[in-house]
Amino acid sequence: MALLKAPSKQPKTTTLQVRLEEDLRHTLDRYAEFIGANASYVVSEALRLLFRKDEEFKRWSAQHTNNHNQEQIQGDALTKTA
């Protein structure tokens, strides 16, 4: 049974360029074919799984949430006034 399920609908997306080892890219494409999805979907879902399962990251993220929100607010303010 596949760990990831094929997408039911297309969510809002953004672009990210990454470099992968050739064999990893080949396996990624094969897994995408296996579940009837595209490589972008597989990467997104694999990252969701990673973030959901990594307890240490969740603790770290909870401690640093205010820093990220403050930077985002400051960045938005700069964007709006510029």
PDB file of N, CA and C in Angstrom:
ATOM      1  N   MET A   1       0.849  -1.180   0.000  1.00  0.00           N
ATOM      2  CA  MET A   1       0.000   0.000   0.000  1.00  0.00           C
ATOM      3  C   MET A   1       0.893   1.241   0.000  1.00  0.00           C
ATOM      4  N   ALA A   2       0.555   2.215  -0.792  1.00  0.00           N
ATOM      5  CA  ALA A   2       1.321   3.452  -0.892  1.00  0.00           C
ATOM      6  C   ALA A   2       1.181   4.280   0.384  1.00  0.00           C
ATOM      7  N   LEU A   3       2.267   4.912   0.800  1.00  0.00           N
ATOM      8  CA  LEU A   3       2.213   5.814   1.961  1.00  0.00           C
ATOM      9  C   LEU A   3       1.516   7.114   1.611  1.00  0.00           C
ATOM     10  N   LEU A   4       1.663   7.568   0.366  1.00  0.00           N
ATOM     11  CA  LEU A   4       1.023   8.796  -0.086  1.00  0.00           C
ATOM     12  C   LEU A   4      -0.155   8.447  -0.977  1.00  0.00           C
ATOM     13  N   LYS A   5      -1.180   9.263  -0.935  1.00  0.00           N
ATOM     14  CA  LYS A   5      -2.356   9.079  -1.775  1.00  0.00           C
ATOM     15  C   LYS A   5      -2.338  10.125  -2.884  1.00  0.00           C
ATOM     16  N   ALA A   6      -2.908   9.788  -4.022  1.00  0.00           N
ATOM     17  CA  ALA A   6      -2.994  10.732  -5.137  1.00  0.00           C
ATOM     18  C   ALA A   6      -3.824  11.945  -4.711  1.00  0.00           C
ATOM     19  N   PRO A   7      -3.522  13.106  -5.257  1.00  0.00           N
ATOM     20  CA  PRO A   7      -4.228  14.333  -4.847  1.00  0.00           C
ATOM     21  C   PRO A   7      -5.691  14.314  -5.266  1.00  0.00           C
ATOM     22  N   SER A   8      -6.533  14.881  -4.410  1.00  0.00           N
ATOM     23  CA  SER A   8      -7.947  14.982  -4.744  1.00  0.00           C
ATOM     24  C   SER A   8      -8.230  16.298  -5.472  1.00  0.00           C
ATOM     25  N   LYS A   9      -7.490  17.347  -5.135  1.00  0.00           N
ATOM     26  CA  LYS A   9      -7.630  18.627  -5.825  1.00  0.00           C
ATOM     27  C   LYS A   9      -6.296  19.363  -5.758  1.00  0.00           C
ATOM     28  N   GLN A  10      -6.120  20.347  -6.601  1.00  0.00           N
ATOM     29  CA  GLN A  10      -4.866  21.079  -6.682  1.00  0.00           C
ATOM     30  C   GLN A  10      -4.898  22.292  -5.749  1.00  0.00           C
ATOM     31  N   PRO A  11      -4.096  22.305  -4.687  1.00  0.00           N
ATOM     32  CA  PRO A  11      -4.042  23.470  -3.797  1.00  0.00           C
ATOM     33  C   PRO A  11      -3.202  24.591  -4.417  1.00  0.00           C
ATOM     34  N   LYS A  12      -3.247  25.761  -3.815  1.00  0.00           N
ATOM     35  CA  LYS A  12      -2.407  26.880  -4.253  1.00  0.00           C
ATOM     36  C   LYS A  12      -0.941  26.470  -4.091  1.00  0.00           C
ATOM     37  N   THR A  13      -0.125  26.766  -5.083  1.00  0.00           N
ATOM     38  CA  THR A  13       1.265  26.328  -5.053  1.00  0.00           C
ATOM     39  C   THR A  13       2.227  27.484  -5.287  1.00  0.00           C
ATOM     40  N   THR A  14       3.485  27.217  -5.028  1.00  0.00           N
ATOM     41  CA  THR A  14       4.580  28.126  -5.303  1.00  0.00           C
ATOM     42  C   THR A  14       5.699  27.309  -5.927  1.00  0.00           C
ATOM     43  N   THR A  15       6.668  27.965  -6.507  1.00  0.00           N
ATOM     44  CA  THR A  15       7.745  27.264  -7.197  1.00  0.00           C
ATOM     45  C   THR A  15       8.991  27.204  -6.330  1.00  0.00           C
ATOM     46  N   LEU A  16       9.666  26.048  -6.363  1.00  0.00           N
ATOM     47  CA  LEU A  16      10.924  25.830  -5.668  1.00  0.00           C
ATOM     48  C   LEU A  16      11.811  25.005  -6.574  1.00  0.00           C
ATOM     49  N   GLN A  17      12.997  25.477  -6.830  1.00  0.00           N
ATOM     50  CA  GLN A  17      13.931  24.713  -7.651  1.00  0.00           C
ATOM     51  C   GLN A  17      14.892  23.978  -6.728  1.00  0.00           C
ATOM     52  N   VAL A  18      15.031  22.666  -6.939  1.00  0.00           N
ATOM     53  CA  VAL A  18      15.934  21.844  -6.127  1.00  0.00           C
ATOM     54  C   VAL A  18      16.796  20.987  -7.035  1.00  0.00           C
ATOM     55  N   ARG A  19      17.925  20.547  -6.509  1.00  0.00           N
ATOM     56  CA  ARG A  19      18.795  19.625  -7.217  1.00  0.00           C
ATOM     57  C   ARG A  19      18.745  18.288  -6.492  1.00  0.00           C
ATOM     58  N   LEU A  20      18.561  17.228  -7.257  1.00  0.00           N
ATOM     59  CA  LEU A  20      18.500  15.883  -6.696  1.00  0.00           C
ATOM     60  C   LEU A  20      19.525  14.998  -7.377  1.00  0.00           C
ATOM     61  N   GLU A  21      19.981  14.006  -6.651  1.00  0.00           N
ATOM     62  CA  GLU A  21      20.811  12.985  -7.272  1.00  0.00           C
ATOM     63  C   GLU A  21      19.966  12.275  -8.327  1.00  0.00           C
ATOM     64  N   GLU A  22      20.600  11.833  -9.406  1.00  0.00           N
ATOM     65  CA  GLU A  22      19.860  11.221 -10.513  1.00  0.00           C
ATOM     66  C   GLU A  22      19.018  10.030 -10.081  1.00  0.00           C
ATOM     67  N   ASP A  23      19.594   9.154  -9.259  1.00  0.00           N
ATOM     68  CA  ASP A  23      18.832   7.975  -8.852  1.00  0.00           C
ATOM     69  C   ASP A  23      17.631   8.346  -7.983  1.00  0.00           C
ATOM     70  N   LEU A  24      17.770   9.378  -7.170  1.00  0.00           N
ATOM     71  CA  LEU A  24      16.656   9.841  -6.348  1.00  0.00           C
ATOM     72  C   LEU A  24      15.555  10.421  -7.232  1.00  0.00           C
ATOM     73  N   ARG A  25      15.942  11.193  -8.243  1.00  0.00           N
ATOM     74  CA  ARG A  25      14.946  11.749  -9.167  1.00  0.00           C
ATOM     75  C   ARG A  25      14.213  10.630  -9.899  1.00  0.00           C
ATOM     76  N   HIS A  26      14.935   9.621 -10.315  1.00  0.00           N
ATOM     77  CA  HIS A  26      14.313   8.492 -11.009  1.00  0.00           C
ATOM     78  C   HIS A  26      13.296   7.797 -10.092  1.00  0.00           C
ATOM     79  N   THR A  27      13.680   7.579  -8.856  1.00  0.00           N
ATOM     80  CA  THR A  27      12.776   6.937  -7.896  1.00  0.00           C
ATOM     81  C   THR A  27      11.572   7.827  -7.609  1.00  0.00           C
ATOM     82  N   LEU A  28      11.796   9.122  -7.497  1.00  0.00           N
ATOM     83  CA  LEU A  28      10.704  10.078  -7.293  1.00  0.00           C
ATOM     84  C   LEU A  28       9.701   9.991  -8.436  1.00  0.00           C
ATOM     85  N   ASP A  29      10.188   9.990  -9.660  1.00  0.00           N
ATOM     86  CA  ASP A  29       9.295   9.897 -10.822  1.00  0.00           C
ATOM     87  C   ASP A  29       8.530   8.576 -10.834  1.00  0.00           C
ATOM     88  N   ARG A  30       9.204   7.498 -10.471  1.00  0.00           N
ATOM     89  CA  ARG A  30       8.539   6.186 -10.436  1.00  0.00           C
ATOM     90  C   ARG A  30       7.468   6.148  -9.342  1.00  0.00           C
ATOM     91  N   TYR A  31       7.751   6.747  -8.181  1.00  0.00           N
ATOM     92  CA  TYR A  31       6.756   6.766  -7.107  1.00  0.00           C
ATOM     93  C   TYR A  31       5.551   7.600  -7.528  1.00  0.00           C
ATOM     94  N   ALA A  32       5.800   8.726  -8.169  1.00  0.00           N
ATOM     95  CA  ALA A  32       4.710   9.564  -8.658  1.00  0.00           C
ATOM     96  C   ALA A  32       3.833   8.782  -9.631  1.00  0.00           C
ATOM     97  N   GLU A  33       4.462   8.051 -10.532  1.00  0.00           N
ATOM     98  CA  GLU A  33       3.714   7.215 -11.472  1.00  0.00           C
ATOM     99  C   GLU A  33       2.922   6.142 -10.722  1.00  0.00           C
ATOM    100  N   PHE A  34       3.536   5.556  -9.718  1.00  0.00           N
ATOM    101  CA  PHE A  34       2.910   4.509  -8.908  1.00  0.00           C
ATOM    102  C   PHE A  34       1.600   4.980  -8.276  1.00  0.00           C
ATOM    103  N   ILE A  35       1.570   6.209  -7.772  1.00  0.00           N
ATOM    104  CA  ILE A  35       0.352   6.700  -7.116  1.00  0.00           C
ATOM    105  C   ILE A  35      -0.521   7.547  -8.036  1.00  0.00           C
ATOM    106  N   GLY A  36      -0.109   7.731  -9.278  1.00  0.00           N
ATOM    107  CA  GLY A  36      -0.916   8.499 -10.227  1.00  0.00           C
ATOM    108  C   GLY A  36      -0.890   9.988  -9.958  1.00  0.00           C
ATOM    109  N   ALA A  37       0.278  10.494  -9.595  1.00  0.00           N
ATOM    110  CA  ALA A  37       0.433  11.916  -9.288  1.00  0.00           C
ATOM    111  C   ALA A  37       1.673  12.427 -10.010  1.00  0.00           C
ATOM    112  N   ASN A  38       2.051  13.687  -9.736  1.00  0.00           N
ATOM    113  CA  ASN A  38       3.284  14.218 -10.315  1.00  0.00           C
ATOM    114  C   ASN A  38       4.352  14.342  -9.222  1.00  0.00           C
ATOM    115  N   ALA A  39       5.586  14.587  -9.641  1.00  0.00           N
ATOM    116  CA  ALA A  39       6.709  14.651  -8.698  1.00  0.00           C
ATOM    117  C   ALA A  39       6.520  15.773  -7.679  1.00  0.00           C
ATOM    118  N   SER A  40       5.965  16.895  -8.099  1.00  0.00           N
ATOM    119  CA  SER A  40       5.741  18.007  -7.160  1.00  0.00           C
ATOM    120  C   SER A  40       4.835  17.595  -6.012  1.00  0.00           C
ATOM    121  N   TYR A  41       3.799  16.859  -6.342  1.00  0.00           N
ATOM    122  CA  TYR A  41       2.877  16.393  -5.305  1.00  0.00           C
ATOM    123  C   TYR A  41       3.583  15.460  -4.330  1.00  0.00           C
ATOM    124  N   VAL A  42       4.387  14.537  -4.864  1.00  0.00           N
ATOM    125  CA  VAL A  42       5.102  13.587  -4.008  1.00  0.00           C
ATOM    126  C   VAL A  42       6.039  14.329  -3.062  1.00  0.00           C
ATOM    127  N   VAL A  43       6.777  15.304  -3.568  1.00  0.00           N
ATOM    128  CA  VAL A  43       7.692  16.081  -2.724  1.00  0.00           C
ATOM    129  C   VAL A  43       6.908  16.821  -1.643  1.00  0.00           C
ATOM    130  N   SER A  44       5.819  17.473  -2.025  1.00  0.00           N
ATOM    131  CA  SER A  44       5.008  18.212  -1.043  1.00  0.00           C
ATOM    132  C   SER A  44       4.481  17.302   0.054  1.00  0.00           C
ATOM    133  N   GLU A  45       3.942  16.156  -0.338  1.00  0.00           N
ATOM    134  CA  GLU A  45       3.385  15.243   0.653  1.00  0.00           C
ATOM    135  C   GLU A  45       4.469  14.606   1.512  1.00  0.00           C
ATOM    136  N   ALA A  46       5.625  14.326   0.922  1.00  0.00           N
ATOM    137  CA  ALA A  46       6.731  13.768   1.701  1.00  0.00           C
ATOM    138  C   ALA A  46       7.202  14.779   2.751  1.00  0.00           C
ATOM    139  N   LEU A  47       7.241  16.048   2.371  1.00  0.00           N
ATOM    140  CA  LEU A  47       7.620  17.080   3.343  1.00  0.00           C
ATOM    141  C   LEU A  47       6.571  17.221   4.436  1.00  0.00           C
ATOM    142  N   ARG A  48       5.297  17.168   4.067  1.00  0.00           N
ATOM    143  CA  ARG A  48       4.231  17.208   5.095  1.00  0.00           C
ATOM    144  C   ARG A  48       4.412  16.060   6.088  1.00  0.00           C
ATOM    145  N   LEU A  49       4.677  14.876   5.563  1.00  0.00           N
ATOM    146  CA  LEU A  49       4.886  13.699   6.416  1.00  0.00           C
ATOM    147  C   LEU A  49       6.087  13.910   7.331  1.00  0.00           C
ATOM    148  N   LEU A  50       7.173  14.398   6.782  1.00  0.00           N
ATOM    149  CA  LEU A  50       8.374  14.665   7.569  1.00  0.00           C
ATOM    150  C   LEU A  50       8.076  15.653   8.695  1.00  0.00           C
ATOM    151  N   PHE A  51       7.450  16.771   8.363  1.00  0.00           N
ATOM    152  CA  PHE A  51       7.168  17.803   9.372  1.00  0.00           C
ATOM    153  C   PHE A  51       6.199  17.306  10.433  1.00  0.00           C
ATOM    154  N   ARG A  52       5.255  16.462  10.031  1.00  0.00           N
ATOM    155  CA  ARG A  52       4.274  15.924  10.980  1.00  0.00           C
ATOM    156  C   ARG A  52       4.909  14.914  11.927  1.00  0.00           C
ATOM    157  N   LYS A  53       5.887  14.149  11.460  1.00  0.00           N
ATOM    158  CA  LYS A  53       6.490  13.078  12.262  1.00  0.00           C
ATOM    159  C   LYS A  53       7.684  13.529  13.105  1.00  0.00           C
ATOM    160  N   ASP A  54       8.326  14.623  12.766  1.00  0.00           N
ATOM    161  CA  ASP A  54       9.549  15.052  13.455  1.00  0.00           C
ATOM    162  C   ASP A  54       9.197  15.839  14.719  1.00  0.00           C
ATOM    163  N   GLU A  55       9.189  15.142  15.841  1.00  0.00           N
ATOM    164  CA  GLU A  55       8.801  15.758  17.122  1.00  0.00           C
ATOM    165  C   GLU A  55       9.766  16.875  17.534  1.00  0.00           C
ATOM    166  N   GLU A  56      11.047  16.666  17.300  1.00  0.00           N
ATOM    167  CA  GLU A  56      12.027  17.692  17.660  1.00  0.00           C
ATOM    168  C   GLU A  56      11.789  18.962  16.853  1.00  0.00           C
ATOM    169  N   PHE A  57      11.502  18.837  15.569  1.00  0.00           N
ATOM    170  CA  PHE A  57      11.211  20.002  14.734  1.00  0.00           C
ATOM    171  C   PHE A  57       9.949  20.714  15.219  1.00  0.00           C
ATOM    172  N   LYS A  58       8.923  19.947  15.589  1.00  0.00           N
ATOM    173  CA  LYS A  58       7.679  20.562  16.080  1.00  0.00           C
ATOM    174  C   LYS A  58       7.941  21.401  17.328  1.00  0.00           C
ATOM    175  N   ARG A  59       8.763  20.869  18.244  1.00  0.00           N
ATOM    176  CA  ARG A  59       9.097  21.640  19.455  1.00  0.00           C
ATOM    177  C   ARG A  59       9.871  22.899  19.091  1.00  0.00           C
ATOM    178  N   TRP A  60      10.855  22.750  18.215  1.00  0.00           N
ATOM    179  CA  TRP A  60      11.665  23.898  17.789  1.00  0.00           C
ATOM    180  C   TRP A  60      10.785  24.938  17.101  1.00  0.00           C
ATOM    181  N   SER A  61       9.926  24.478  16.227  1.00  0.00           N
ATOM    182  CA  SER A  61       9.053  25.376  15.473  1.00  0.00           C
ATOM    183  C   SER A  61       8.116  26.148  16.397  1.00  0.00           C
ATOM    184  N   ALA A  62       7.581  25.473  17.405  1.00  0.00           N
ATOM    185  CA  ALA A  62       6.688  26.127  18.358  1.00  0.00           C
ATOM    186  C   ALA A  62       7.417  27.237  19.110  1.00  0.00           C
ATOM    187  N   GLN A  63       8.684  27.029  19.411  1.00  0.00           N
ATOM    188  CA  GLN A  63       9.470  28.032  20.129  1.00  0.00           C
ATOM    189  C   GLN A  63       9.848  29.203  19.230  1.00  0.00           C
ATOM    190  N   HIS A  64       9.879  28.992  17.928  1.00  0.00           N
ATOM    191  CA  HIS A  64      10.319  30.029  16.998  1.00  0.00           C
ATOM    192  C   HIS A  64       9.193  30.619  16.157  1.00  0.00           C
ATOM    193  N   THR A  65       7.955  30.298  16.483  1.00  0.00           N
ATOM    194  CA  THR A  65       6.815  30.794  15.713  1.00  0.00           C
ATOM    195  C   THR A  65       6.727  32.307  15.758  1.00  0.00           C
ATOM    196  N   ASN A  66       6.896  32.902  16.930  1.00  0.00           N
ATOM    197  CA  ASN A  66       6.783  34.352  17.048  1.00  0.00           C
ATOM    198  C   ASN A  66       7.847  35.069  16.239  1.00  0.00           C
ATOM    199  N   ASN A  67       9.058  34.534  16.178  1.00  0.00           N
ATOM    200  CA  ASN A  67      10.116  35.149  15.382  1.00  0.00           C
ATOM    201  C   ASN A  67       9.728  35.181  13.914  1.00  0.00           C
ATOM    202  N   HIS A  68       9.204  34.090  13.392  1.00  0.00           N
ATOM    203  CA  HIS A  68       8.816  34.023  11.983  1.00  0.00           C
ATOM    204  C   HIS A  68       7.658  34.983  11.703  1.00  0.00           C
ATOM    205  N   ASN A  69       6.661  34.985  12.594  1.00  0.00           N
ATOM    206  CA  ASN A  69       5.516  35.877  12.401  1.00  0.00           C
ATOM    207  C   ASN A  69       5.950  37.332  12.434  1.00  0.00           C
ATOM    208  N   GLN A  70       6.868  37.707  13.329  1.00  0.00           N
ATOM    209  CA  GLN A  70       7.344  39.079  13.426  1.00  0.00           C
ATOM    210  C   GLN A  70       8.092  39.477  12.159  1.00  0.00           C
ATOM    211  N   GLU A  71       8.950  38.588  11.647  1.00  0.00           N
ATOM    212  CA  GLU A  71       9.676  38.868  10.413  1.00  0.00           C
ATOM    213  C   GLU A  71       8.711  39.036   9.256  1.00  0.00           C
ATOM    214  N   GLN A  72       7.671  38.218   9.211  1.00  0.00           N
ATOM    215  CA  GLN A  72       6.695  38.289   8.136  1.00  0.00           C
ATOM    216  C   GLN A  72       5.930  39.604   8.211  1.00  0.00           C
ATOM    217  N   ILE A  73       5.538  40.010   9.415  1.00  0.00           N
ATOM    218  CA  ILE A  73       4.825  41.271   9.593  1.00  0.00           C
ATOM    219  C   ILE A  73       5.710  42.435   9.164  1.00  0.00           C
ATOM    220  N   GLN A  74       6.969  42.427   9.600  1.00  0.00           N
ATOM    221  CA  GLN A  74       7.882  43.492   9.210  1.00  0.00           C
ATOM    222  C   GLN A  74       8.093  43.495   7.708  1.00  0.00           C
ATOM    223  N   GLY A  75       8.226  42.328   7.110  1.00  0.00           N
ATOM    224  CA  GLY A  75       8.402  42.231   5.670  1.00  0.00           C
ATOM    225  C   GLY A  75       7.182  42.750   4.931  1.00  0.00           C
ATOM    226  N   ASP A  76       5.980  42.425   5.422  1.00  0.00           N
ATOM    227  CA  ASP A  76       4.759  42.911   4.804  1.00  0.00           C
ATOM    228  C   ASP A  76       4.659  44.422   4.908  1.00  0.00           C
ATOM    229  N   ALA A  77       5.038  44.956   6.075  1.00  0.00           N
ATOM    230  CA  ALA A  77       4.982  46.399   6.254  1.00  0.00           C
ATOM    231  C   ALA A  77       5.925  47.099   5.294  1.00  0.00           C
ATOM    232  N   LEU A  78       7.111  46.546   5.123  1.00  0.00           N
ATOM    233  CA  LEU A  78       8.065  47.147   4.193  1.00  0.00           C
ATOM    234  C   LEU A  78       7.543  47.081   2.763  1.00  0.00           C
ATOM    235  N   THR A  79       6.917  45.973   2.425  1.00  0.00           N
ATOM    236  CA  THR A  79       6.390  45.815   1.078  1.00  0.00           C
ATOM    237  C   THR A  79       5.273  46.811   0.812  1.00  0.00           C
ATOM    238  N   LYS A  80       4.409  47.022   1.794  1.00  0.00           N
ATOM    239  CA  LYS A  80       3.268  47.901   1.605  1.00  0.00           C
ATOM    240  C   LYS A  80       3.667  49.369   1.502  1.00  0.00           C
ATOM    241  N   THR A  81       4.715  49.769   2.217  1.00  0.00           N
ATOM    242  CA  THR A  81       5.104  51.179   2.207  1.00  0.00           C
ATOM    243  C   THR A  81       6.070  51.509   1.105  1.00  0.00           C
ATOM    244  N   ALA A  82       6.711  50.519   0.521  1.00  0.00           N
ATOM    245  CA  ALA A  82       7.711  50.778  -0.509  1.00  0.00           C
ATOM    246  C   ALA A  82       7.088  51.109  -1.839  1.00  0.00           C
TER     247      ALA A  82
END
